[in-house]
Amino acid sequence: MNLLTIDDDYDTTEAVTDYCKIRGIDCKVANKGRQGLFEIQKREYDLILLDIAMPEFTGFDILSQLKKQGVRYKTIVIFTAWRSKMEDFKDYTEVGVREIVKKPVELDHLDNIVKSYLMNVMQTDPNDFLTNQ
């Protein structure tokens, strides 16, 4: 099981990486938008955590490029400090936007996201997540 975090905030990517290490999840980090787009194109990820507000090449730029390229059915969770609604991302649901999570993300919420989107990939009991902390 693998996860890609695309976020220019190093504290966020470090927290997600630490979480993934504890859970045995393969985690790749991209701190720049173009690097994140390249990672999506290069490898299949079970879950993508995508920040919207990044300098130079934003999360919206990534989503637009994926849509242009005809990429579909990814599992993308938007991480943002902005007040956003799913209707703001209606043009990107076919690409794979599933939900929006307000930053900062608490560990329990991250755990719920992983449970929601990665359980079909995992070989462990879903109850093991919170008890292995």
Protein backbone atom coordinates (compact mmCIF):
# COMPACT_ATOMS: atom_id res chain seq x y z
CA MET A 1 0.00 0.00 0.00
CA ASN A 2 1.38 3.41 -0.88
CA LEU A 3 0.54 7.02 -0.33
CA LEU A 4 1.73 10.24 -1.97
CA THR A 5 1.68 13.53 -0.07
CA ILE A 6 1.99 16.70 -2.15
CA ASP A 7 2.36 19.68 0.14
CA ASP A 8 4.82 22.56 0.38
CA ASP A 9 4.52 22.61 4.19
CA TYR A 10 7.36 20.50 5.57
CA ASP A 11 5.65 20.07 8.96
CA THR A 12 2.64 18.51 7.26
CA THR A 13 4.68 16.18 5.08
CA GLU A 14 6.85 15.16 8.03
CA ALA A 15 3.80 14.38 10.17
CA VAL A 16 2.23 12.27 7.39
CA THR A 17 5.55 10.48 6.79
CA ASP A 18 5.92 9.67 10.49
CA TYR A 19 2.35 8.40 10.60
CA CYS A 20 2.95 6.19 7.56
CA LYS A 21 6.14 4.72 9.05
CA ILE A 22 4.22 3.70 12.17
CA ARG A 23 1.49 2.13 10.03
CA GLY A 24 3.81 0.38 7.59
CA ILE A 25 2.57 2.45 4.65
CA ASP A 26 4.98 3.29 1.84
CA CYS A 27 4.96 7.09 1.71
CA LYS A 28 6.42 9.37 -0.93
CA VAL A 29 6.57 13.14 -0.44
CA ALA A 30 6.62 15.91 -3.01
CA ASN A 31 7.08 19.42 -1.63
CA LYS A 32 6.54 21.09 -5.01
CA GLY A 33 3.56 20.87 -7.30
CA ARG A 34 5.40 19.87 -10.48
CA GLN A 35 7.29 17.18 -8.57
CA GLY A 36 3.95 15.87 -7.29
CA LEU A 37 2.45 15.76 -10.78
CA PHE A 38 5.51 13.85 -12.00
CA GLU A 39 5.10 11.31 -9.16
CA ILE A 40 1.42 10.76 -10.03
CA GLN A 41 2.36 10.17 -13.66
CA LYS A 42 5.28 7.91 -12.80
CA ARG A 43 3.72 5.54 -10.27
CA GLU A 44 0.31 4.30 -9.17
CA TYR A 45 -0.63 5.45 -5.65
CA ASP A 46 -3.41 4.05 -3.50
CA LEU A 47 -4.03 7.46 -1.90
CA ILE A 48 -2.90 10.98 -2.78
CA LEU A 49 -3.01 13.78 -0.20
CA LEU A 50 -2.92 17.05 -2.14
CA ASP A 51 -2.44 20.59 -0.85
CA ILE A 52 -4.13 23.23 -2.97
CA ALA A 53 -2.22 26.39 -2.01
CA MET A 54 1.34 25.80 -3.18
CA PRO A 55 3.54 28.40 -4.84
CA GLU A 56 4.33 28.23 -8.56
CA PHE A 57 2.31 25.09 -9.39
CA THR A 58 -0.80 24.69 -7.24
CA GLY A 59 -2.99 21.73 -6.43
CA PHE A 60 -5.50 23.11 -8.93
CA ASP A 61 -2.74 23.12 -11.57
CA ILE A 62 -2.08 19.45 -10.80
CA LEU A 63 -5.77 18.58 -11.01
CA SER A 64 -6.13 20.50 -14.28
CA GLN A 65 -3.17 18.67 -15.81
CA LEU A 66 -4.53 15.30 -14.71
CA LYS A 67 -7.92 16.17 -16.23
CA LYS A 68 -6.27 17.31 -19.48
CA GLN A 69 -4.35 14.04 -19.66
CA GLY A 70 -7.55 12.04 -19.16
CA VAL A 71 -6.44 10.61 -15.82
CA ARG A 72 -9.40 9.14 -13.97
CA TYR A 73 -10.41 7.43 -10.78
CA LYS A 74 -7.47 8.26 -8.56
CA THR A 75 -8.13 8.55 -4.85
CA ILE A 76 -7.30 12.15 -3.96
CA VAL A 77 -7.99 13.86 -0.65
CA ILE A 78 -7.54 17.63 -0.70
CA PHE A 79 -5.61 19.09 2.24
CA THR A 80 -6.19 22.82 2.55
CA ALA A 81 -6.34 25.69 4.99
CA TRP A 82 -8.84 27.42 2.68
CA ARG A 83 -12.55 27.28 3.24
CA SER A 84 -13.45 24.95 0.43
CA LYS A 85 -16.44 22.82 -0.45
CA MET A 86 -16.72 19.79 -2.68
CA GLU A 87 -18.58 21.95 -5.18
CA ASP A 88 -15.30 23.87 -5.66
CA PHE A 89 -13.86 20.60 -6.98
CA LYS A 90 -16.84 19.32 -8.97
CA ASP A 91 -14.82 19.47 -12.19
CA TYR A 92 -12.25 17.10 -10.69
CA THR A 93 -14.35 14.30 -9.22
CA GLU A 94 -13.67 12.09 -12.26
CA VAL A 95 -9.94 12.65 -11.75
CA GLY A 96 -10.43 11.30 -8.25
CA VAL A 97 -11.08 14.05 -5.70
CA ARG A 98 -13.00 12.31 -2.92
CA GLU A 99 -13.07 14.80 -0.07
CA ILE A 100 -11.61 17.97 1.42
CA VAL A 101 -9.83 18.03 4.77
CA LYS A 102 -9.07 21.25 6.58
CA LYS A 103 -5.49 21.71 7.77
CA PRO A 104 -4.01 21.22 10.25
CA VAL A 105 -5.05 17.57 10.17
CA GLU A 106 -5.28 15.75 13.48
CA LEU A 107 -3.84 12.24 13.78
CA ASP A 108 -7.26 10.72 14.44
CA HIS A 109 -8.63 12.34 11.29
CA LEU A 110 -5.67 11.14 9.23
CA ASP A 111 -6.26 7.66 10.64
CA ASN A 112 -9.92 7.85 9.53
CA ILE A 113 -8.88 8.93 6.05
CA VAL A 114 -6.50 5.99 5.77
CA LYS A 115 -9.18 3.61 7.04
CA SER A 116 -11.72 4.99 4.57
CA TYR A 117 -9.57 4.87 1.46
CA LEU A 118 -6.94 2.23 2.04
CA MET A 119 -8.76 -0.57 3.82
CA ASN A 120 -9.45 -2.40 0.58
CA VAL A 121 -5.69 -2.39 -0.09
CA MET A 122 -4.61 -3.40 3.40
CA GLN A 123 -4.11 -6.91 4.63
CA THR A 124 -4.55 -6.08 8.32
CA ASP A 125 -7.54 -5.82 10.59
CA PRO A 126 -8.96 -2.26 10.48
CA ASN A 127 -9.14 -2.25 14.28
CA ASP A 128 -5.34 -2.63 14.45
CA PHE A 129 -4.85 1.00 13.40
CA LEU A 130 -5.77 2.76 16.61
CA THR A 131 -4.53 0.01 18.92
CA ASN A 132 -0.98 0.01 17.47
CA GLN A 133 -0.20 3.60 18.41
